[in-house]
Amino acid sequence: MLTGATGWFGVWLLDVLCMADDAFALRLKITAVSRDPGRFRARFPDLTAGPRVTWIARDVRHLDLESRRFDYVIHGATDTAQPKSPAAELEMYETIIDGTRRVIRAAGDDCKGLLLMSSGAIYGPIQLGQTSFLESRPAGPDPSIPGNAYAEGKRAAEQLGAIAASRGVAIRIARCFAFVGPHMPFDKHFAIGNFIADAVNGRPIRVRSDGRPQRSYLYMTDLIRALIEILTMGATGVAYNVGSEEAVTIHELAQRVDRVVGGRGIRLEGEPSDPTDRYIPDTTRLRQTLGFCPEVSLDTAIRRTADWYRMQMDPPLKLQSNERADTRRQI
């Protein structure tokens, strides 16, 4: 079972699983959960056709699949867009917690692996003296700030997972940081997506800060490899940071996008930022215990994503015929 099957991570997971099924005759049966799969199915008819994928059109908060048996479950349903109102913040928080509770119940005690996709946001601001976030040094966001609903919801979801793991449910946790690749949003709060969109469309890259915050970005093929390895080989009840350890400032990132994509320069438009603003994972646990190593460089990731984004600007008929094939070539 895959929740959040039509989101950015979901489309990659679904495509890779189907590709593996085609290549190795795994005879997979996938239950894909989404609030509105109709538009996705129209966009990817070859991916959703046939008996391999069964779609459940449902809000994860109302999931009721206890009668079914799943060997593996990936719970990835959460919109990471920043809520615009207290009501939206509450809905996000409740969706994360209630959805996680429902998914754990649907997985049952016999599930071979349940992957909870959490977030590096659960650590809160980086602590003094730290250069990266480490699983063994958890801190946390300020719960008195309503804007931390996503981070606090993920922390609560991990607690539900820990309780379930203590009674034998094979739960593994992926704390995901920042990523880049096809299907990502190019007009939301992802800086690298906005930069690529600016450069491809011939606009100067706008940096809405002084450029000093530091980030790192992992390409989507590396993310999917890490998630599958955690799901199938990770230790029960253990959280793994997933991301890149290659830190770049936002200004440096804009310069790289401008150079790789061929943009029209950079504009720094923001106010002075917090010099400690740093969102970089320590992935030692993932590397040492599961042998994971990223394979795609940041420059290559930027180039591949920009090429895919350019394809979205083609006529619709060409897009429908080429979109998935292009993604598969990059895998």
C-alpha atoms as a PDB file:
ATOM      1  CA  MET A   1       0.000   0.000   0.000  1.00  0.00           C
ATOM      2  CA  LEU A   2       1.190   3.462  -0.901  1.00  0.00           C
ATOM      3  CA  THR A   3      -0.449   6.578   0.540  1.00  0.00           C
ATOM      4  CA  GLY A   4       0.135   9.952  -1.044  1.00  0.00           C
ATOM      5  CA  ALA A   5       0.434   8.072  -4.318  1.00  0.00           C
ATOM      6  CA  THR A   6      -0.211  11.102  -6.543  1.00  0.00           C
ATOM      7  CA  GLY A   7       2.220  13.461  -4.810  1.00  0.00           C
ATOM      8  CA  TRP A   8       5.788  14.283  -5.822  1.00  0.00           C
ATOM      9  CA  PHE A   9       7.326  11.354  -3.922  1.00  0.00           C
ATOM     10  CA  GLY A  10       4.346   9.131  -4.692  1.00  0.00           C
ATOM     11  CA  VAL A  11       4.632   9.322  -8.476  1.00  0.00           C
ATOM     12  CA  TRP A  12       8.316   8.414  -8.273  1.00  0.00           C
ATOM     13  CA  LEU A  13       7.677   5.495  -5.936  1.00  0.00           C
ATOM     14  CA  LEU A  14       4.810   4.216  -8.040  1.00  0.00           C
ATOM     15  CA  ASP A  15       6.788   4.471 -11.270  1.00  0.00           C
ATOM     16  CA  VAL A  16       9.879   2.762  -9.832  1.00  0.00           C
ATOM     17  CA  LEU A  17       7.817  -0.061  -8.321  1.00  0.00           C
ATOM     18  CA  CYS A  18       6.030  -0.654 -11.617  1.00  0.00           C
ATOM     19  CA  MET A  19       9.325  -0.508 -13.503  1.00  0.00           C
ATOM     20  CA  ALA A  20      10.829  -3.097 -11.132  1.00  0.00           C
ATOM     21  CA  ASP A  21       7.755  -5.258 -11.586  1.00  0.00           C
ATOM     22  CA  ASP A  22       8.150  -5.094 -15.370  1.00  0.00           C
ATOM     23  CA  ALA A  23      11.871  -5.873 -15.213  1.00  0.00           C
ATOM     24  CA  PHE A  24      11.843  -8.682 -12.666  1.00  0.00           C
ATOM     25  CA  ALA A  25       8.318 -10.143 -12.899  1.00  0.00           C
ATOM     26  CA  LEU A  26       7.651  -9.496  -9.209  1.00  0.00           C
ATOM     27  CA  ARG A  27       3.871  -9.822  -9.624  1.00  0.00           C
ATOM     28  CA  LEU A  28       3.269  -6.764  -7.481  1.00  0.00           C
ATOM     29  CA  LYS A  29      -0.219  -5.772  -6.394  1.00  0.00           C
ATOM     30  CA  ILE A  30      -0.234  -2.127  -5.327  1.00  0.00           C
ATOM     31  CA  THR A  31      -3.013  -0.363  -3.461  1.00  0.00           C
ATOM     32  CA  ALA A  32      -2.556   3.352  -4.134  1.00  0.00           C
ATOM     33  CA  VAL A  33      -4.360   5.809  -1.860  1.00  0.00           C
ATOM     34  CA  SER A  34      -5.125   9.376  -2.910  1.00  0.00           C
ATOM     35  CA  ARG A  35      -7.871  11.897  -2.253  1.00  0.00           C
ATOM     36  CA  ASP A  36      -8.284  12.537  -5.989  1.00  0.00           C
ATOM     37  CA  PRO A  37      -6.608   9.990  -8.288  1.00  0.00           C
ATOM     38  CA  GLY A  38      -8.686  10.901 -11.333  1.00  0.00           C
ATOM     39  CA  ARG A  39      -6.473  13.672 -12.664  1.00  0.00           C
ATOM     40  CA  PHE A  40      -3.350  11.579 -12.037  1.00  0.00           C
ATOM     41  CA  ARG A  41      -4.803   8.622 -13.931  1.00  0.00           C
ATOM     42  CA  ALA A  42      -5.628  10.856 -16.883  1.00  0.00           C
ATOM     43  CA  ARG A  43      -2.082  12.205 -16.922  1.00  0.00           C
ATOM     44  CA  PHE A  44      -0.359   8.812 -16.610  1.00  0.00           C
ATOM     45  CA  PRO A  45      -2.670   6.284 -18.308  1.00  0.00           C
ATOM     46  CA  ASP A  46       0.103   3.742 -18.975  1.00  0.00           C
ATOM     47  CA  LEU A  47       1.211   3.831 -15.339  1.00  0.00           C
ATOM     48  CA  THR A  48      -2.263   3.342 -13.918  1.00  0.00           C
ATOM     49  CA  ALA A  49      -3.738   0.890 -16.436  1.00  0.00           C
ATOM     50  CA  GLY A  50      -4.252  -2.804 -15.747  1.00  0.00           C
ATOM     51  CA  PRO A  51      -4.871  -4.813 -12.578  1.00  0.00           C
ATOM     52  CA  ARG A  52      -1.487  -4.149 -10.957  1.00  0.00           C
ATOM     53  CA  VAL A  53      -2.561  -0.891  -9.295  1.00  0.00           C
ATOM     54  CA  THR A  54      -5.816  -0.598  -7.358  1.00  0.00           C
ATOM     55  CA  TRP A  55      -6.822   2.973  -6.551  1.00  0.00           C
ATOM     56  CA  ILE A  56      -8.535   3.998  -3.336  1.00  0.00           C
ATOM     57  CA  ALA A  57      -9.987   7.521  -3.574  1.00  0.00           C
ATOM     58  CA  ARG A  58      -9.999   8.502   0.081  1.00  0.00           C
ATOM     59  CA  ASP A  59      -8.655  10.990   2.590  1.00  0.00           C
ATOM     60  CA  VAL A  60      -6.061   9.122   4.630  1.00  0.00           C
ATOM     61  CA  ARG A  61      -7.861  10.254   7.796  1.00  0.00           C
ATOM     62  CA  HIS A  62     -10.786   8.045   6.787  1.00  0.00           C
ATOM     63  CA  LEU A  63      -8.816   5.033   5.606  1.00  0.00           C
ATOM     64  CA  ASP A  64     -10.512   1.760   6.514  1.00  0.00           C
ATOM     65  CA  LEU A  65      -8.586  -1.163   5.048  1.00  0.00           C
ATOM     66  CA  GLU A  66      -8.152  -3.453   8.049  1.00  0.00           C
ATOM     67  CA  SER A  67      -9.703  -6.338   6.115  1.00  0.00           C
ATOM     68  CA  ARG A  68      -6.886  -6.328   3.559  1.00  0.00           C
ATOM     69  CA  ARG A  69      -3.389  -7.741   3.974  1.00  0.00           C
ATOM     70  CA  PHE A  70      -0.290  -5.809   2.941  1.00  0.00           C
ATOM     71  CA  ASP A  71       3.261  -7.131   2.869  1.00  0.00           C
ATOM     72  CA  TYR A  72       4.700  -3.598   2.749  1.00  0.00           C
ATOM     73  CA  VAL A  73       3.275  -0.152   3.404  1.00  0.00           C
ATOM     74  CA  ILE A  74       4.733   3.251   2.535  1.00  0.00           C
ATOM     75  CA  HIS A  75       2.965   6.130   4.245  1.00  0.00           C
ATOM     76  CA  GLY A  76       3.796   9.318   2.388  1.00  0.00           C
ATOM     77  CA  ALA A  77       0.558  11.309   2.489  1.00  0.00           C
ATOM     78  CA  THR A  78       1.092  14.872   3.703  1.00  0.00           C
ATOM     79  CA  ASP A  79       0.958  18.199   1.908  1.00  0.00           C
ATOM     80  CA  THR A  80       4.089  20.146   2.894  1.00  0.00           C
ATOM     81  CA  ALA A  81       2.756  23.495   1.657  1.00  0.00           C
ATOM     82  CA  GLN A  82       2.682  26.111   4.400  1.00  0.00           C
ATOM     83  CA  PRO A  83      -0.869  26.511   5.790  1.00  0.00           C
ATOM     84  CA  LYS A  84      -2.392  29.951   5.278  1.00  0.00           C
ATOM     85  CA  SER A  85      -4.727  30.000   8.277  1.00  0.00           C
ATOM     86  CA  PRO A  86      -5.203  28.498  11.763  1.00  0.00           C
ATOM     87  CA  ALA A  87      -7.872  26.190  10.339  1.00  0.00           C
ATOM     88  CA  ALA A  88      -5.432  24.922   7.706  1.00  0.00           C
ATOM     89  CA  GLU A  89      -2.737  24.398  10.328  1.00  0.00           C
ATOM     90  CA  LEU A  90      -5.130  22.344  12.435  1.00  0.00           C
ATOM     91  CA  GLU A  91      -6.220  20.302   9.417  1.00  0.00           C
ATOM     92  CA  MET A  92      -2.592  19.557   8.524  1.00  0.00           C
ATOM     93  CA  TYR A  93      -1.786  18.492  12.081  1.00  0.00           C
ATOM     94  CA  GLU A  94      -4.843  16.252  12.339  1.00  0.00           C
ATOM     95  CA  THR A  95      -4.236  14.753   8.885  1.00  0.00           C
ATOM     96  CA  ILE A  96      -0.702  13.715   9.835  1.00  0.00           C
ATOM     97  CA  ILE A  97      -1.694  12.165  13.162  1.00  0.00           C
ATOM     98  CA  ASP A  98      -5.051  10.616  12.246  1.00  0.00           C
ATOM     99  CA  GLY A  99      -3.676   9.399   8.920  1.00  0.00           C
ATOM    100  CA  THR A 100      -0.694   7.739  10.583  1.00  0.00           C
ATOM    101  CA  ARG A 101      -2.952   6.032  13.108  1.00  0.00           C
ATOM    102  CA  ARG A 102      -5.161   4.694  10.309  1.00  0.00           C
ATOM    103  CA  VAL A 103      -2.193   3.479   8.252  1.00  0.00           C
ATOM    104  CA  ILE A 104      -0.644   1.630  11.205  1.00  0.00           C
ATOM    105  CA  ARG A 105      -3.980  -0.043  11.812  1.00  0.00           C
ATOM    106  CA  ALA A 106      -4.312  -1.000   8.143  1.00  0.00           C
ATOM    107  CA  ALA A 107      -0.786  -2.442   8.070  1.00  0.00           C
ATOM    108  CA  GLY A 108      -1.536  -4.850  10.883  1.00  0.00           C
ATOM    109  CA  ASP A 109       0.917  -6.877  12.934  1.00  0.00           C
ATOM    110  CA  ASP A 110       1.941  -9.197  10.075  1.00  0.00           C
ATOM    111  CA  CYS A 111       3.227  -6.475   7.738  1.00  0.00           C
ATOM    112  CA  LYS A 112       6.872  -7.097   6.771  1.00  0.00           C
ATOM    113  CA  GLY A 113       7.694  -3.409   6.659  1.00  0.00           C
ATOM    114  CA  LEU A 114       5.916  -0.102   7.219  1.00  0.00           C
ATOM    115  CA  LEU A 115       7.812   3.013   6.163  1.00  0.00           C
ATOM    116  CA  LEU A 116       6.761   6.256   7.826  1.00  0.00           C
ATOM    117  CA  MET A 117       8.005   9.165   5.772  1.00  0.00           C
ATOM    118  CA  SER A 118       8.846  11.830   8.320  1.00  0.00           C
ATOM    119  CA  SER A 119      10.825  15.049   7.926  1.00  0.00           C
ATOM    120  CA  GLY A 120      13.968  16.799   9.050  1.00  0.00           C
ATOM    121  CA  ALA A 121      11.599  19.512  10.259  1.00  0.00           C
ATOM    122  CA  ILE A 122      11.089  17.474  13.438  1.00  0.00           C
ATOM    123  CA  TYR A 123      14.482  18.695  14.726  1.00  0.00           C
ATOM    124  CA  GLY A 124      13.476  22.353  14.828  1.00  0.00           C
ATOM    125  CA  PRO A 125      16.192  25.022  14.502  1.00  0.00           C
ATOM    126  CA  ILE A 126      19.745  23.758  14.499  1.00  0.00           C
ATOM    127  CA  GLN A 127      21.392  23.877  17.916  1.00  0.00           C
ATOM    128  CA  LEU A 128      24.424  25.970  18.780  1.00  0.00           C
ATOM    129  CA  GLY A 129      27.611  24.174  17.794  1.00  0.00           C
ATOM    130  CA  GLN A 130      25.884  21.783  15.372  1.00  0.00           C
ATOM    131  CA  THR A 131      26.716  21.708  11.677  1.00  0.00           C
ATOM    132  CA  SER A 132      24.117  19.073  10.771  1.00  0.00           C
ATOM    133  CA  PHE A 133      21.145  17.228  12.245  1.00  0.00           C
ATOM    134  CA  LEU A 134      21.898  13.871  13.857  1.00  0.00           C
ATOM    135  CA  GLU A 135      19.289  11.231  14.781  1.00  0.00           C
ATOM    136  CA  SER A 136      20.845  10.710  18.226  1.00  0.00           C
ATOM    137  CA  ARG A 137      20.574  14.420  19.100  1.00  0.00           C
ATOM    138  CA  PRO A 138      16.870  15.224  18.747  1.00  0.00           C
ATOM    139  CA  ALA A 139      15.696  18.664  19.747  1.00  0.00           C
ATOM    140  CA  GLY A 140      12.411  19.976  18.427  1.00  0.00           C
ATOM    141  CA  PRO A 141      10.439  22.949  17.128  1.00  0.00           C
ATOM    142  CA  ASP A 142       8.637  25.343  19.467  1.00  0.00           C
ATOM    143  CA  PRO A 143       5.128  23.872  19.971  1.00  0.00           C
ATOM    144  CA  SER A 144       3.729  27.275  20.927  1.00  0.00           C
ATOM    145  CA  ILE A 145       4.113  28.482  17.317  1.00  0.00           C
ATOM    146  CA  PRO A 146       1.104  27.499  15.149  1.00  0.00           C
ATOM    147  CA  GLY A 147       3.312  27.529  12.050  1.00  0.00           C
ATOM    148  CA  ASN A 148       5.104  24.467  13.399  1.00  0.00           C
ATOM    149  CA  ALA A 149       2.013  22.280  12.874  1.00  0.00           C
ATOM    150  CA  TYR A 150       3.733  20.221  10.174  1.00  0.00           C
ATOM    151  CA  ALA A 151       6.878  19.578  12.229  1.00  0.00           C
ATOM    152  CA  GLU A 152       4.961  18.811  15.430  1.00  0.00           C
ATOM    153  CA  GLY A 153       2.583  16.553  13.515  1.00  0.00           C
ATOM    154  CA  LYS A 154       5.516  14.561  12.176  1.00  0.00           C
ATOM    155  CA  ARG A 155       6.972  14.270  15.682  1.00  0.00           C
ATOM    156  CA  ALA A 156       3.657  12.941  16.958  1.00  0.00           C
ATOM    157  CA  ALA A 157       3.456  10.514  14.012  1.00  0.00           C
ATOM    158  CA  GLU A 158       6.909   9.184  14.905  1.00  0.00           C
ATOM    159  CA  GLN A 159       5.705   8.678  18.485  1.00  0.00           C
ATOM    160  CA  LEU A 160       2.769   6.636  17.214  1.00  0.00           C
ATOM    161  CA  GLY A 161       5.248   4.646  15.169  1.00  0.00           C
ATOM    162  CA  ALA A 162       7.490   4.043  18.178  1.00  0.00           C
ATOM    163  CA  ILE A 163       4.545   2.745  20.210  1.00  0.00           C
ATOM    164  CA  ALA A 164       3.520   0.419  17.380  1.00  0.00           C
ATOM    165  CA  ALA A 165       7.121  -0.786  16.977  1.00  0.00           C
ATOM    166  CA  SER A 166       7.253  -1.622  20.693  1.00  0.00           C
ATOM    167  CA  ARG A 167       4.444  -4.131  20.162  1.00  0.00           C
ATOM    168  CA  GLY A 168       6.146  -5.726  17.171  1.00  0.00           C
ATOM    169  CA  VAL A 169       5.001  -3.764  14.115  1.00  0.00           C
ATOM    170  CA  ALA A 170       7.932  -3.557  11.660  1.00  0.00           C
ATOM    171  CA  ILE A 171       8.002   0.227  11.396  1.00  0.00           C
ATOM    172  CA  ARG A 172      10.955   2.124   9.910  1.00  0.00           C
ATOM    173  CA  ILE A 173      11.221   5.908   9.684  1.00  0.00           C
ATOM    174  CA  ALA A 174      12.753   8.088   6.969  1.00  0.00           C
ATOM    175  CA  ARG A 175      13.408  11.688   8.024  1.00  0.00           C
ATOM    176  CA  CYS A 176      13.465  13.388   4.645  1.00  0.00           C
ATOM    177  CA  PHE A 177      15.270  16.699   4.077  1.00  0.00           C
ATOM    178  CA  ALA A 178      15.456  18.567   0.722  1.00  0.00           C
ATOM    179  CA  PHE A 179      15.302  17.108  -2.781  1.00  0.00           C
ATOM    180  CA  VAL A 180      15.294  18.022  -6.453  1.00  0.00           C
ATOM    181  CA  GLY A 181      13.989  16.242  -9.517  1.00  0.00           C
ATOM    182  CA  PRO A 182      11.161  15.854 -12.043  1.00  0.00           C
ATOM    183  CA  HIS A 183       7.593  16.297 -10.771  1.00  0.00           C
ATOM    184  CA  MET A 184       8.688  18.699  -8.008  1.00  0.00           C
ATOM    185  CA  PRO A 185       6.683  21.914  -7.491  1.00  0.00           C
ATOM    186  CA  PHE A 186       8.288  24.865  -9.284  1.00  0.00           C
ATOM    187  CA  ASP A 187       6.088  27.605  -7.830  1.00  0.00           C
ATOM    188  CA  LYS A 188       5.913  26.866  -4.113  1.00  0.00           C
ATOM    189  CA  HIS A 189       8.314  27.124  -1.169  1.00  0.00           C
ATOM    190  CA  PHE A 190      11.120  25.028  -2.698  1.00  0.00           C
ATOM    191  CA  ALA A 191      13.939  27.463  -3.493  1.00  0.00           C
ATOM    192  CA  ILE A 192      15.667  25.227  -6.011  1.00  0.00           C
ATOM    193  CA  GLY A 193      12.425  24.691  -7.937  1.00  0.00           C
ATOM    194  CA  ASN A 194      11.806  28.425  -8.149  1.00  0.00           C
ATOM    195  CA  PHE A 195      15.388  29.031  -9.276  1.00  0.00           C
ATOM    196  CA  ILE A 196      15.144  26.424 -12.043  1.00  0.00           C
ATOM    197  CA  ALA A 197      11.818  27.873 -13.226  1.00  0.00           C
ATOM    198  CA  ASP A 198      13.312  31.377 -13.339  1.00  0.00           C
ATOM    199  CA  ALA A 199      16.345  30.238 -15.337  1.00  0.00           C
ATOM    200  CA  VAL A 200      14.414  28.059 -17.808  1.00  0.00           C
ATOM    201  CA  ASN A 201      11.920  30.866 -18.459  1.00  0.00           C
ATOM    202  CA  GLY A 202      14.670  33.392 -19.123  1.00  0.00           C
ATOM    203  CA  ARG A 203      14.148  35.399 -15.958  1.00  0.00           C
ATOM    204  CA  PRO A 204      16.807  36.536 -13.497  1.00  0.00           C
ATOM    205  CA  ILE A 205      16.913  34.159 -10.530  1.00  0.00           C
ATOM    206  CA  ARG A 206      15.302  35.889  -7.568  1.00  0.00           C
ATOM    207  CA  VAL A 207      16.742  35.049  -4.149  1.00  0.00           C
ATOM    208  CA  ARG A 208      14.257  36.154  -1.508  1.00  0.00           C
ATOM    209  CA  SER A 209      16.873  36.387   1.250  1.00  0.00           C
ATOM    210  CA  ASP A 210      20.438  37.598   1.569  1.00  0.00           C
ATOM    211  CA  GLY A 211      21.514  34.201   0.279  1.00  0.00           C
ATOM    212  CA  ARG A 212      23.284  33.029   3.440  1.00  0.00           C
ATOM    213  CA  PRO A 213      20.993  30.178   4.613  1.00  0.00           C
ATOM    214  CA  GLN A 214      22.516  26.768   3.889  1.00  0.00           C
ATOM    215  CA  ARG A 215      20.732  23.807   2.339  1.00  0.00           C
ATOM    216  CA  SER A 216      21.541  20.508   0.628  1.00  0.00           C
ATOM    217  CA  TYR A 217      19.676  18.662  -2.111  1.00  0.00           C
ATOM    218  CA  LEU A 218      19.440  14.972  -2.997  1.00  0.00           C
ATOM    219  CA  TYR A 219      18.272  13.859  -6.426  1.00  0.00           C
ATOM    220  CA  MET A 220      15.068  11.846  -6.579  1.00  0.00           C
ATOM    221  CA  THR A 221      16.596   8.595  -7.853  1.00  0.00           C
ATOM    222  CA  ASP A 222      18.877   8.571  -4.808  1.00  0.00           C
ATOM    223  CA  LEU A 223      15.928   9.340  -2.528  1.00  0.00           C
ATOM    224  CA  ILE A 224      13.886   6.433  -3.900  1.00  0.00           C
ATOM    225  CA  ARG A 225      16.808   4.018  -3.500  1.00  0.00           C
ATOM    226  CA  ALA A 226      17.200   5.130   0.110  1.00  0.00           C
ATOM    227  CA  LEU A 227      13.490   4.742   0.871  1.00  0.00           C
ATOM    228  CA  ILE A 228      13.328   1.221  -0.570  1.00  0.00           C
ATOM    229  CA  GLU A 229      16.448   0.203   1.347  1.00  0.00           C
ATOM    230  CA  ILE A 230      15.030   1.552   4.617  1.00  0.00           C
ATOM    231  CA  LEU A 231      11.679  -0.146   3.988  1.00  0.00           C
ATOM    232  CA  THR A 232      13.174  -3.561   3.253  1.00  0.00           C
ATOM    233  CA  MET A 233      16.384  -3.609   5.299  1.00  0.00           C
ATOM    234  CA  GLY A 234      16.042  -0.942   7.985  1.00  0.00           C
ATOM    235  CA  ALA A 235      15.851  -1.735  11.685  1.00  0.00           C
ATOM    236  CA  THR A 236      12.423  -1.709  13.315  1.00  0.00           C
ATOM    237  CA  GLY A 237      11.669   1.475  15.220  1.00  0.00           C
ATOM    238  CA  VAL A 238      14.768   3.250  13.902  1.00  0.00           C
ATOM    239  CA  ALA A 239      14.799   6.653  12.177  1.00  0.00           C
ATOM    240  CA  TYR A 240      17.165   7.387   9.292  1.00  0.00           C
ATOM    241  CA  ASN A 241      18.049  10.838   7.998  1.00  0.00           C
ATOM    242  CA  VAL A 242      17.697  10.942   4.202  1.00  0.00           C
ATOM    243  CA  GLY A 243      19.277  13.742   2.208  1.00  0.00           C
ATOM    244  CA  SER A 244      22.544  15.123   0.931  1.00  0.00           C
ATOM    245  CA  GLU A 245      25.420  16.220   3.159  1.00  0.00           C
ATOM    246  CA  GLU A 246      26.753  18.628   0.500  1.00  0.00           C
ATOM    247  CA  ALA A 247      25.952  22.046   1.963  1.00  0.00           C
ATOM    248  CA  VAL A 248      25.497  25.088  -0.267  1.00  0.00           C
ATOM    249  CA  THR A 249      24.311  28.566   0.579  1.00  0.00           C
ATOM    250  CA  ILE A 250      21.172  29.712  -1.181  1.00  0.00           C
ATOM    251  CA  HIS A 251      23.293  32.263  -3.041  1.00  0.00           C
ATOM    252  CA  GLU A 252      25.701  29.530  -4.172  1.00  0.00           C
ATOM    253  CA  LEU A 253      22.738  27.394  -5.215  1.00  0.00           C
ATOM    254  CA  ALA A 254      21.369  30.222  -7.353  1.00  0.00           C
ATOM    255  CA  GLN A 255      24.785  30.641  -8.970  1.00  0.00           C
ATOM    256  CA  ARG A 256      24.958  26.936  -9.806  1.00  0.00           C
ATOM    257  CA  VAL A 257      21.478  26.918 -11.318  1.00  0.00           C
ATOM    258  CA  ASP A 258      22.352  30.028 -13.327  1.00  0.00           C
ATOM    259  CA  ARG A 259      25.554  28.379 -14.601  1.00  0.00           C
ATOM    260  CA  VAL A 260      24.119  24.904 -15.328  1.00  0.00           C
ATOM    261  CA  VAL A 261      20.810  26.001 -16.838  1.00  0.00           C
ATOM    262  CA  GLY A 262      22.043  29.162 -18.542  1.00  0.00           C
ATOM    263  CA  GLY A 263      20.082  31.851 -16.743  1.00  0.00           C
ATOM    264  CA  ARG A 264      20.100  35.631 -16.834  1.00  0.00           C
ATOM    265  CA  GLY A 265      21.870  36.365 -13.581  1.00  0.00           C
ATOM    266  CA  ILE A 266      20.810  36.590  -9.948  1.00  0.00           C
ATOM    267  CA  ARG A 267      18.985  39.152  -7.843  1.00  0.00           C
ATOM    268  CA  LEU A 268      19.371  39.147  -4.053  1.00  0.00           C
ATOM    269  CA  GLU A 269      16.126  40.691  -2.818  1.00  0.00           C
ATOM    270  CA  GLY A 270      15.778  39.632   0.800  1.00  0.00           C
ATOM    271  CA  GLU A 271      16.578  41.031   4.208  1.00  0.00           C
ATOM    272  CA  PRO A 272      19.537  39.806   6.302  1.00  0.00           C
ATOM    273  CA  SER A 273      18.911  36.249   7.441  1.00  0.00           C
ATOM    274  CA  ASP A 274      19.801  34.222  10.505  1.00  0.00           C
ATOM    275  CA  PRO A 275      23.460  33.190  10.066  1.00  0.00           C
ATOM    276  CA  THR A 276      22.664  29.876  11.806  1.00  0.00           C
ATOM    277  CA  ASP A 277      19.895  28.984   9.298  1.00  0.00           C
ATOM    278  CA  ARG A 278      21.212  25.586   8.193  1.00  0.00           C
ATOM    279  CA  TYR A 279      19.205  22.527   7.115  1.00  0.00           C
ATOM    280  CA  ILE A 280      21.720  19.734   6.496  1.00  0.00           C
ATOM    281  CA  PRO A 281      21.359  16.096   7.592  1.00  0.00           C
ATOM    282  CA  ASP A 282      24.021  13.847   9.032  1.00  0.00           C
ATOM    283  CA  THR A 283      23.456  10.596   7.125  1.00  0.00           C
ATOM    284  CA  THR A 284      26.076   8.471   8.876  1.00  0.00           C
ATOM    285  CA  ARG A 285      23.482   5.956  10.090  1.00  0.00           C
ATOM    286  CA  LEU A 286      22.079   5.450   6.592  1.00  0.00           C
ATOM    287  CA  ARG A 287      25.536   5.103   5.062  1.00  0.00           C
ATOM    288  CA  GLN A 288      27.076   2.825   7.674  1.00  0.00           C
ATOM    289  CA  THR A 289      24.178   0.486   8.437  1.00  0.00           C
ATOM    290  CA  LEU A 290      22.565   0.218   4.992  1.00  0.00           C
ATOM    291  CA  GLY A 291      25.531   1.048   2.763  1.00  0.00           C
ATOM    292  CA  PHE A 292      23.749   3.916   1.040  1.00  0.00           C
ATOM    293  CA  CYS A 293      25.769   6.368  -1.056  1.00  0.00           C
ATOM    294  CA  PRO A 294      24.331   9.105  -3.316  1.00  0.00           C
ATOM    295  CA  GLU A 295      25.146   8.659  -7.000  1.00  0.00           C
ATOM    296  CA  VAL A 296      23.906  11.867  -8.684  1.00  0.00           C
ATOM    297  CA  SER A 297      25.834  15.127  -8.303  1.00  0.00           C
ATOM    298  CA  LEU A 298      24.029  18.392  -7.644  1.00  0.00           C
ATOM    299  CA  ASP A 299      24.964  19.829 -11.044  1.00  0.00           C
ATOM    300  CA  THR A 300      23.605  16.732 -12.787  1.00  0.00           C
ATOM    301  CA  ALA A 301      20.444  16.867 -10.676  1.00  0.00           C
ATOM    302  CA  ILE A 302      19.900  20.510 -11.643  1.00  0.00           C
ATOM    303  CA  ARG A 303      20.471  19.793 -15.341  1.00  0.00           C
ATOM    304  CA  ARG A 304      18.133  16.773 -15.409  1.00  0.00           C
ATOM    305  CA  THR A 305      15.396  18.649 -13.569  1.00  0.00           C
ATOM    306  CA  ALA A 306      15.688  21.679 -15.840  1.00  0.00           C
ATOM    307  CA  ASP A 307      15.517  19.447 -18.935  1.00  0.00           C
ATOM    308  CA  TRP A 308      12.353  17.817 -17.597  1.00  0.00           C
ATOM    309  CA  TYR A 309      10.823  21.191 -16.733  1.00  0.00           C
ATOM    310  CA  ARG A 310      11.482  22.436 -20.277  1.00  0.00           C
ATOM    311  CA  MET A 311       9.559  19.430 -21.574  1.00  0.00           C
ATOM    312  CA  GLN A 312       6.515  20.548 -19.581  1.00  0.00           C
ATOM    313  CA  MET A 313       6.397  23.629 -21.795  1.00  0.00           C
ATOM    314  CA  ASP A 314       5.892  21.491 -24.940  1.00  0.00           C
ATOM    315  CA  PRO A 315       2.426  20.980 -26.488  1.00  0.00           C
ATOM    316  CA  PRO A 316       0.186  18.691 -24.394  1.00  0.00           C
ATOM    317  CA  LEU A 317       0.241  15.739 -26.825  1.00  0.00           C
ATOM    318  CA  LYS A 318       4.031  15.652 -26.828  1.00  0.00           C
ATOM    319  CA  LEU A 319       4.082  15.983 -23.050  1.00  0.00           C
ATOM    320  CA  GLN A 320       1.800  13.006 -22.519  1.00  0.00           C
ATOM    321  CA  SER A 321       3.871  10.766 -24.758  1.00  0.00           C
ATOM    322  CA  ASN A 322       7.291  11.781 -23.422  1.00  0.00           C
ATOM    323  CA  GLU A 323       6.837  12.696 -19.771  1.00  0.00           C
ATOM    324  CA  ARG A 324       7.122   9.277 -18.170  1.00  0.00           C
ATOM    325  CA  ALA A 325       9.714   7.975 -20.615  1.00  0.00           C
ATOM    326  CA  ASP A 326      11.980  10.899 -19.759  1.00  0.00           C
ATOM    327  CA  THR A 327      11.682  10.125 -16.051  1.00  0.00           C
ATOM    328  CA  ARG A 328      12.571   6.483 -16.666  1.00  0.00           C
ATOM    329  CA  ARG A 329      15.682   7.392 -18.644  1.00  0.00           C
ATOM    330  CA  GLN A 330      16.882   9.360 -15.640  1.00  0.00           C
ATOM    331  CA  ILE A 331      16.301   6.400 -13.295  1.00  0.00           C
END
